């Protein structure tokens, strides 16, 4: 194979990877619409059953969540996969209801929600810009992030029973670092060819952004919340 053929092949691969990245960013932007609609619906709902049985709700939610992930993965190469993804983001928006209700009952709750949203957006833009460089390889952090995520989930489930505010704050702090790392990792996987399907890439980045926002909001409420 000549040098020109090799170069042409590399350019073709690069174009394909950047097309996946563009499609991912576009679908991620669209996914925020059903999330916001779902969040508005969640603000009107009564989550008393969830508050009364938080551990059982968490286990049930995880089962449903992984079921939805499986359906999206099975249909990732069809239009149905996109609609399933958007439906999932609506559900996740509804599930923002409890934390948003709690935040907006604070005197400065609206400012805290805005600060969390702004901080999430700035963090995403900065880290995705770093991760979008094919010259950088962040694949090595994947295993460490997965271990950290598993530990954070286990600690979070345990704290549903113990209800220790300091532990909740610590878990949120660690989770912010984990999902910030995942933004770097997932964007980098796209530009380096590790992820070639924009629906699955969007699913990964949506979960990164969603969890970054929730944990950042929890930290800001704990540190800045005005209950007077």
C-alpha atoms as a PDB file:
ATOM      1  CA  UNK A   1       0.000   0.000   0.000  1.00  0.00           C
ATOM      2  CA  UNK A   2       1.422   3.402  -1.000  1.00  0.00           C
ATOM      3  CA  UNK A   3       1.943   6.327   1.385  1.00  0.00           C
ATOM      4  CA  UNK A   4      -0.918   8.200  -0.332  1.00  0.00           C
ATOM      5  CA  UNK A   5      -3.276   5.268   0.204  1.00  0.00           C
ATOM      6  CA  UNK A   6      -2.288   5.013   3.871  1.00  0.00           C
ATOM      7  CA  UNK A   7      -2.804   8.757   4.315  1.00  0.00           C
ATOM      8  CA  UNK A   8      -6.174   8.609   2.585  1.00  0.00           C
ATOM      9  CA  UNK A   9      -7.260   5.732   4.794  1.00  0.00           C
ATOM     10  CA  UNK A  10      -6.190   7.586   7.955  1.00  0.00           C
ATOM     11  CA  UNK A  11      -8.076  10.699   6.855  1.00  0.00           C
ATOM     12  CA  UNK A  12     -11.182   8.601   6.191  1.00  0.00           C
ATOM     13  CA  UNK A  13     -11.013   7.080   9.676  1.00  0.00           C
ATOM     14  CA  UNK A  14     -10.472  10.506  11.230  1.00  0.00           C
ATOM     15  CA  UNK A  15     -13.466  11.943   9.355  1.00  0.00           C
ATOM     16  CA  UNK A  16     -15.656   9.050  10.517  1.00  0.00           C
ATOM     17  CA  UNK A  17     -14.617   9.539  14.147  1.00  0.00           C
ATOM     18  CA  UNK A  18     -15.281  13.270  14.054  1.00  0.00           C
ATOM     19  CA  UNK A  19     -18.658  12.627  12.406  1.00  0.00           C
ATOM     20  CA  UNK A  20     -19.560  10.335  15.324  1.00  0.00           C
ATOM     21  CA  UNK A  21     -18.453  13.070  17.727  1.00  0.00           C
ATOM     22  CA  UNK A  22     -20.551  15.725  15.962  1.00  0.00           C
ATOM     23  CA  UNK A  23     -23.614  13.461  15.910  1.00  0.00           C
ATOM     24  CA  UNK A  24     -23.067  12.633  19.577  1.00  0.00           C
ATOM     25  CA  UNK A  25     -22.923  16.288  20.599  1.00  0.00           C
ATOM     26  CA  UNK A  26     -26.042  17.041  18.534  1.00  0.00           C
ATOM     27  CA  UNK A  27     -28.041  14.181  20.060  1.00  0.00           C
ATOM     28  CA  UNK A  28     -26.757  15.077  23.534  1.00  0.00           C
ATOM     29  CA  UNK A  29     -28.073  18.601  23.045  1.00  0.00           C
ATOM     30  CA  UNK A  30     -31.466  17.292  21.888  1.00  0.00           C
ATOM     31  CA  UNK A  31     -31.596  14.915  24.879  1.00  0.00           C
ATOM     32  CA  UNK A  32     -31.645  17.891  27.235  1.00  0.00           C
ATOM     33  CA  UNK A  33     -35.141  18.844  25.975  1.00  0.00           C
ATOM     34  CA  UNK A  34     -36.954  15.738  27.333  1.00  0.00           C
ATOM     35  CA  UNK A  35     -34.770  15.966  30.444  1.00  0.00           C
ATOM     36  CA  UNK A  36     -35.989  19.499  31.182  1.00  0.00           C
ATOM     37  CA  UNK A  37     -39.602  18.501  30.434  1.00  0.00           C
ATOM     38  CA  UNK A  38     -39.226  15.475  32.707  1.00  0.00           C
ATOM     39  CA  UNK A  39     -37.709  17.617  35.456  1.00  0.00           C
ATOM     40  CA  UNK A  40     -40.702  19.963  35.284  1.00  0.00           C
ATOM     41  CA  UNK A  41     -43.056  16.970  35.588  1.00  0.00           C
ATOM     42  CA  UNK A  42     -40.974  15.643  38.487  1.00  0.00           C
ATOM     43  CA  UNK A  43     -41.307  18.949  40.344  1.00  0.00           C
ATOM     44  CA  UNK A  44     -45.085  18.486  40.405  1.00  0.00           C
ATOM     45  CA  UNK A  45     -44.968  14.897  41.681  1.00  0.00           C
ATOM     46  CA  UNK A  46     -45.140  13.430  45.168  1.00  0.00           C
ATOM     47  CA  UNK A  47     -42.187  11.137  45.864  1.00  0.00           C
ATOM     48  CA  UNK A  48     -43.397  10.063  49.311  1.00  0.00           C
ATOM     49  CA  UNK A  49     -43.176   6.345  48.480  1.00  0.00           C
ATOM     50  CA  UNK A  50     -39.593   6.796  47.328  1.00  0.00           C
ATOM     51  CA  UNK A  51     -38.714   8.643  50.553  1.00  0.00           C
ATOM     52  CA  UNK A  52     -40.352   5.929  52.659  1.00  0.00           C
ATOM     53  CA  UNK A  53     -38.500   3.064  50.944  1.00  0.00           C
ATOM     54  CA  UNK A  54     -35.290   4.559  49.510  1.00  0.00           C
ATOM     55  CA  UNK A  55     -33.281   1.316  49.401  1.00  0.00           C
ATOM     56  CA  UNK A  56     -35.974  -0.679  47.595  1.00  0.00           C
ATOM     57  CA  UNK A  57     -36.555   2.220  45.207  1.00  0.00           C
ATOM     58  CA  UNK A  58     -32.818   2.411  44.435  1.00  0.00           C
ATOM     59  CA  UNK A  59     -32.625  -1.323  43.665  1.00  0.00           C
ATOM     60  CA  UNK A  60     -35.745  -1.138  41.479  1.00  0.00           C
ATOM     61  CA  UNK A  61     -34.455   1.950  39.692  1.00  0.00           C
ATOM     62  CA  UNK A  62     -31.131   0.270  38.926  1.00  0.00           C
ATOM     63  CA  UNK A  63     -32.929  -2.786  37.520  1.00  0.00           C
ATOM     64  CA  UNK A  64     -35.112  -0.607  35.264  1.00  0.00           C
ATOM     65  CA  UNK A  65     -32.124   1.545  34.296  1.00  0.00           C
ATOM     66  CA  UNK A  66     -30.011  -1.392  33.158  1.00  0.00           C
ATOM     67  CA  UNK A  67     -33.016  -2.790  31.284  1.00  0.00           C
ATOM     68  CA  UNK A  68     -33.324   0.499  29.395  1.00  0.00           C
ATOM     69  CA  UNK A  69     -29.595   0.502  28.658  1.00  0.00           C
ATOM     70  CA  UNK A  70     -29.918  -3.002  27.215  1.00  0.00           C
ATOM     71  CA  UNK A  71     -32.838  -1.993  24.976  1.00  0.00           C
ATOM     72  CA  UNK A  72     -30.922   1.018  23.680  1.00  0.00           C
ATOM     73  CA  UNK A  73     -27.829  -1.113  23.012  1.00  0.00           C
ATOM     74  CA  UNK A  74     -29.876  -3.706  21.094  1.00  0.00           C
ATOM     75  CA  UNK A  75     -31.409  -0.955  18.918  1.00  0.00           C
ATOM     76  CA  UNK A  76     -28.370   1.295  18.672  1.00  0.00           C
ATOM     77  CA  UNK A  77     -28.201   1.064  14.873  1.00  0.00           C
ATOM     78  CA  UNK A  78     -31.821   2.036  14.246  1.00  0.00           C
ATOM     79  CA  UNK A  79     -34.037   5.056  14.737  1.00  0.00           C
ATOM     80  CA  UNK A  80     -35.751   3.203  17.581  1.00  0.00           C
ATOM     81  CA  UNK A  81     -32.524   3.443  19.552  1.00  0.00           C
ATOM     82  CA  UNK A  82     -32.673   7.243  19.351  1.00  0.00           C
ATOM     83  CA  UNK A  83     -36.298   7.327  20.548  1.00  0.00           C
ATOM     84  CA  UNK A  84     -35.535   4.916  23.379  1.00  0.00           C
ATOM     85  CA  UNK A  85     -32.632   7.130  24.413  1.00  0.00           C
ATOM     86  CA  UNK A  86     -34.835  10.233  24.412  1.00  0.00           C
ATOM     87  CA  UNK A  87     -37.492   8.361  26.397  1.00  0.00           C
ATOM     88  CA  UNK A  88     -34.850   7.378  28.931  1.00  0.00           C
ATOM     89  CA  UNK A  89     -33.721  10.997  29.301  1.00  0.00           C
ATOM     90  CA  UNK A  90     -37.328  12.004  30.045  1.00  0.00           C
ATOM     91  CA  UNK A  91     -37.467   9.390  32.833  1.00  0.00           C
ATOM     92  CA  UNK A  92     -34.154  10.609  34.210  1.00  0.00           C
ATOM     93  CA  UNK A  93     -35.527  14.157  34.130  1.00  0.00           C
ATOM     94  CA  UNK A  94     -38.556  13.075  36.171  1.00  0.00           C
ATOM     95  CA  UNK A  95     -36.200  11.476  38.686  1.00  0.00           C
ATOM     96  CA  UNK A  96     -34.533  14.842  39.222  1.00  0.00           C
ATOM     97  CA  UNK A  97     -37.777  15.816  40.965  1.00  0.00           C
ATOM     98  CA  UNK A  98     -36.796  14.995  44.563  1.00  0.00           C
ATOM     99  CA  UNK A  99     -33.428  16.774  44.546  1.00  0.00           C
ATOM    100  CA  UNK A 100     -34.857  19.778  42.688  1.00  0.00           C
ATOM    101  CA  UNK A 101     -37.787  19.994  45.105  1.00  0.00           C
ATOM    102  CA  UNK A 102     -35.330  19.966  47.992  1.00  0.00           C
ATOM    103  CA  UNK A 103     -33.097  22.565  46.342  1.00  0.00           C
ATOM    104  CA  UNK A 104     -35.931  24.930  45.453  1.00  0.00           C
ATOM    105  CA  UNK A 105     -37.219  24.910  49.027  1.00  0.00           C
ATOM    106  CA  UNK A 106     -33.987  26.677  50.019  1.00  0.00           C
ATOM    107  CA  UNK A 107     -34.041  30.479  50.011  1.00  0.00           C
ATOM    108  CA  UNK A 108     -31.218  30.536  47.457  1.00  0.00           C
ATOM    109  CA  UNK A 109     -32.267  27.280  45.791  1.00  0.00           C
ATOM    110  CA  UNK A 110     -32.782  28.705  42.302  1.00  0.00           C
ATOM    111  CA  UNK A 111     -29.300  30.244  42.369  1.00  0.00           C
ATOM    112  CA  UNK A 112     -27.782  26.955  43.538  1.00  0.00           C
ATOM    113  CA  UNK A 113     -29.505  24.988  40.744  1.00  0.00           C
ATOM    114  CA  UNK A 114     -28.275  27.562  38.223  1.00  0.00           C
ATOM    115  CA  UNK A 115     -24.761  27.379  39.642  1.00  0.00           C
ATOM    116  CA  UNK A 116     -24.771  23.573  39.452  1.00  0.00           C
ATOM    117  CA  UNK A 117     -26.031  23.666  35.858  1.00  0.00           C
ATOM    118  CA  UNK A 118     -23.450  26.288  34.889  1.00  0.00           C
ATOM    119  CA  UNK A 119     -20.651  24.401  36.627  1.00  0.00           C
ATOM    120  CA  UNK A 120     -21.676  21.199  34.878  1.00  0.00           C
ATOM    121  CA  UNK A 121     -21.714  22.918  31.484  1.00  0.00           C
ATOM    122  CA  UNK A 122     -18.318  24.570  31.961  1.00  0.00           C
ATOM    123  CA  UNK A 123     -16.781  21.328  33.228  1.00  0.00           C
ATOM    124  CA  UNK A 124     -18.190  19.384  30.273  1.00  0.00           C
ATOM    125  CA  UNK A 125     -16.944  21.893  27.698  1.00  0.00           C
ATOM    126  CA  UNK A 126     -13.459  22.072  29.223  1.00  0.00           C
ATOM    127  CA  UNK A 127     -12.968  18.336  29.678  1.00  0.00           C
ATOM    128  CA  UNK A 128     -14.510  17.367  26.348  1.00  0.00           C
ATOM    129  CA  UNK A 129     -12.161  19.816  24.609  1.00  0.00           C
ATOM    130  CA  UNK A 130      -9.198  18.100  26.267  1.00  0.00           C
ATOM    131  CA  UNK A 131     -10.533  14.612  25.559  1.00  0.00           C
ATOM    132  CA  UNK A 132     -11.276  15.440  21.901  1.00  0.00           C
ATOM    133  CA  UNK A 133      -7.584  15.493  21.019  1.00  0.00           C
ATOM    134  CA  UNK A 134      -6.636  12.186  19.326  1.00  0.00           C
ATOM    135  CA  UNK A 135      -3.024  12.800  20.372  1.00  0.00           C
ATOM    136  CA  UNK A 136      -4.015  12.221  24.003  1.00  0.00           C
ATOM    137  CA  UNK A 137      -4.816   8.714  25.181  1.00  0.00           C
ATOM    138  CA  UNK A 138      -7.045   8.451  28.255  1.00  0.00           C
ATOM    139  CA  UNK A 139      -7.912   4.780  27.795  1.00  0.00           C
ATOM    140  CA  UNK A 140      -5.718   3.868  30.771  1.00  0.00           C
ATOM    141  CA  UNK A 141      -8.035   5.554  33.272  1.00  0.00           C
ATOM    142  CA  UNK A 142     -11.043   3.417  32.320  1.00  0.00           C
ATOM    143  CA  UNK A 143     -10.369   0.617  34.818  1.00  0.00           C
ATOM    144  CA  UNK A 144      -9.720   3.050  37.675  1.00  0.00           C
ATOM    145  CA  UNK A 145     -12.932   4.936  36.912  1.00  0.00           C
ATOM    146  CA  UNK A 146     -14.935   1.706  36.873  1.00  0.00           C
ATOM    147  CA  UNK A 147     -13.518   0.619  40.249  1.00  0.00           C
ATOM    148  CA  UNK A 148     -14.257   4.057  41.690  1.00  0.00           C
ATOM    149  CA  UNK A 149     -17.785   3.989  40.293  1.00  0.00           C
ATOM    150  CA  UNK A 150     -18.539   0.575  41.794  1.00  0.00           C
ATOM    151  CA  UNK A 151     -17.245   1.690  45.192  1.00  0.00           C
ATOM    152  CA  UNK A 152     -19.271   4.903  45.018  1.00  0.00           C
ATOM    153  CA  UNK A 153     -22.460   2.955  44.169  1.00  0.00           C
ATOM    154  CA  UNK A 154     -21.889   0.528  47.048  1.00  0.00           C
ATOM    155  CA  UNK A 155     -21.179   3.398  49.456  1.00  0.00           C
ATOM    156  CA  UNK A 156     -24.262   5.256  48.213  1.00  0.00           C
ATOM    157  CA  UNK A 157     -26.511   2.228  48.762  1.00  0.00           C
ATOM    158  CA  UNK A 158     -25.054   1.737  52.248  1.00  0.00           C
ATOM    159  CA  UNK A 159     -25.673   5.382  53.095  1.00  0.00           C
ATOM    160  CA  UNK A 160     -29.352   4.997  52.213  1.00  0.00           C
ATOM    161  CA  UNK A 161     -29.463   2.935  55.413  1.00  0.00           C
ATOM    162  CA  UNK A 162     -27.029   4.910  57.607  1.00  0.00           C
ATOM    163  CA  UNK A 163     -28.110   8.389  56.433  1.00  0.00           C
ATOM    164  CA  UNK A 164     -24.798  10.078  57.321  1.00  0.00           C
ATOM    165  CA  UNK A 165     -24.685  13.619  55.813  1.00  0.00           C
ATOM    166  CA  UNK A 166     -20.865  13.770  55.833  1.00  0.00           C
ATOM    167  CA  UNK A 167     -20.659  10.464  53.972  1.00  0.00           C
ATOM    168  CA  UNK A 168     -23.204  11.676  51.423  1.00  0.00           C
ATOM    169  CA  UNK A 169     -21.098  14.778  50.827  1.00  0.00           C
ATOM    170  CA  UNK A 170     -17.931  12.692  50.494  1.00  0.00           C
ATOM    171  CA  UNK A 171     -19.601  10.325  47.999  1.00  0.00           C
ATOM    172  CA  UNK A 172     -20.785  13.298  45.938  1.00  0.00           C
ATOM    173  CA  UNK A 173     -17.277  14.769  45.949  1.00  0.00           C
ATOM    174  CA  UNK A 174     -15.752  11.514  44.734  1.00  0.00           C
ATOM    175  CA  UNK A 175     -18.540  11.095  42.178  1.00  0.00           C
ATOM    176  CA  UNK A 176     -17.844  14.537  40.703  1.00  0.00           C
ATOM    177  CA  UNK A 177     -14.255  13.442  40.112  1.00  0.00           C
ATOM    178  CA  UNK A 178     -15.321  10.074  38.684  1.00  0.00           C
ATOM    179  CA  UNK A 179     -17.827  11.482  36.184  1.00  0.00           C
ATOM    180  CA  UNK A 180     -15.474  14.292  35.219  1.00  0.00           C
ATOM    181  CA  UNK A 181     -12.944  11.564  34.424  1.00  0.00           C
ATOM    182  CA  UNK A 182     -15.576   9.692  32.438  1.00  0.00           C
ATOM    183  CA  UNK A 183     -16.205  12.770  30.254  1.00  0.00           C
ATOM    184  CA  UNK A 184     -12.510  12.768  29.340  1.00  0.00           C
ATOM    185  CA  UNK A 185     -12.540   9.016  28.789  1.00  0.00           C
ATOM    186  CA  UNK A 186     -15.755   8.790  26.753  1.00  0.00           C
ATOM    187  CA  UNK A 187     -14.959  11.717  24.427  1.00  0.00           C
ATOM    188  CA  UNK A 188     -11.468  10.345  23.932  1.00  0.00           C
ATOM    189  CA  UNK A 189     -12.868   6.908  23.099  1.00  0.00           C
ATOM    190  CA  UNK A 190     -14.873   8.471  20.275  1.00  0.00           C
ATOM    191  CA  UNK A 191     -12.021  10.378  18.642  1.00  0.00           C
ATOM    192  CA  UNK A 192      -9.634   7.425  18.979  1.00  0.00           C
ATOM    193  CA  UNK A 193     -12.097   4.971  17.450  1.00  0.00           C
ATOM    194  CA  UNK A 194     -13.006   3.062  20.604  1.00  0.00           C
ATOM    195  CA  UNK A 195     -16.671   4.036  20.258  1.00  0.00           C
ATOM    196  CA  UNK A 196     -18.143   4.192  16.750  1.00  0.00           C
ATOM    197  CA  UNK A 197     -21.890   4.388  17.462  1.00  0.00           C
ATOM    198  CA  UNK A 198     -23.221   7.847  18.257  1.00  0.00           C
ATOM    199  CA  UNK A 199     -26.299   6.564  20.109  1.00  0.00           C
ATOM    200  CA  UNK A 200     -24.184   4.617  22.603  1.00  0.00           C
ATOM    201  CA  UNK A 201     -21.680   7.470  22.776  1.00  0.00           C
ATOM    202  CA  UNK A 202     -24.525   9.859  23.621  1.00  0.00           C
ATOM    203  CA  UNK A 203     -25.845   7.472  26.277  1.00  0.00           C
ATOM    204  CA  UNK A 204     -22.425   7.384  27.948  1.00  0.00           C
ATOM    205  CA  UNK A 205     -21.930  11.143  27.868  1.00  0.00           C
ATOM    206  CA  UNK A 206     -25.502  11.820  29.008  1.00  0.00           C
ATOM    207  CA  UNK A 207     -24.957   9.674  32.095  1.00  0.00           C
ATOM    208  CA  UNK A 208     -21.670  11.500  32.761  1.00  0.00           C
ATOM    209  CA  UNK A 209     -23.317  14.925  32.551  1.00  0.00           C
ATOM    210  CA  UNK A 210     -26.441  13.872  34.485  1.00  0.00           C
ATOM    211  CA  UNK A 211     -24.501  12.383  37.385  1.00  0.00           C
ATOM    212  CA  UNK A 212     -22.032  15.259  37.422  1.00  0.00           C
ATOM    213  CA  UNK A 213     -24.938  17.709  37.762  1.00  0.00           C
ATOM    214  CA  UNK A 214     -26.719  15.735  40.497  1.00  0.00           C
ATOM    215  CA  UNK A 215     -23.599  15.328  42.623  1.00  0.00           C
ATOM    216  CA  UNK A 216     -22.462  18.904  42.105  1.00  0.00           C
ATOM    217  CA  UNK A 217     -25.928  20.099  43.116  1.00  0.00           C
ATOM    218  CA  UNK A 218     -25.795  17.958  46.252  1.00  0.00           C
ATOM    219  CA  UNK A 219     -22.432  19.469  47.216  1.00  0.00           C
ATOM    220  CA  UNK A 220     -23.586  23.043  46.600  1.00  0.00           C
ATOM    221  CA  UNK A 221     -26.777  22.520  48.616  1.00  0.00           C
ATOM    222  CA  UNK A 222     -24.736  21.180  51.525  1.00  0.00           C
ATOM    223  CA  UNK A 223     -22.205  24.000  51.435  1.00  0.00           C
ATOM    224  CA  UNK A 224     -24.250  27.000  50.280  1.00  0.00           C
ATOM    225  CA  UNK A 225     -27.876  26.142  51.045  1.00  0.00           C
ATOM    226  CA  UNK A 226     -29.675  28.862  53.004  1.00  0.00           C
ATOM    227  CA  UNK A 227     -32.516  27.332  55.024  1.00  0.00           C
ATOM    228  CA  UNK A 228     -33.504  30.509  56.903  1.00  0.00           C
END
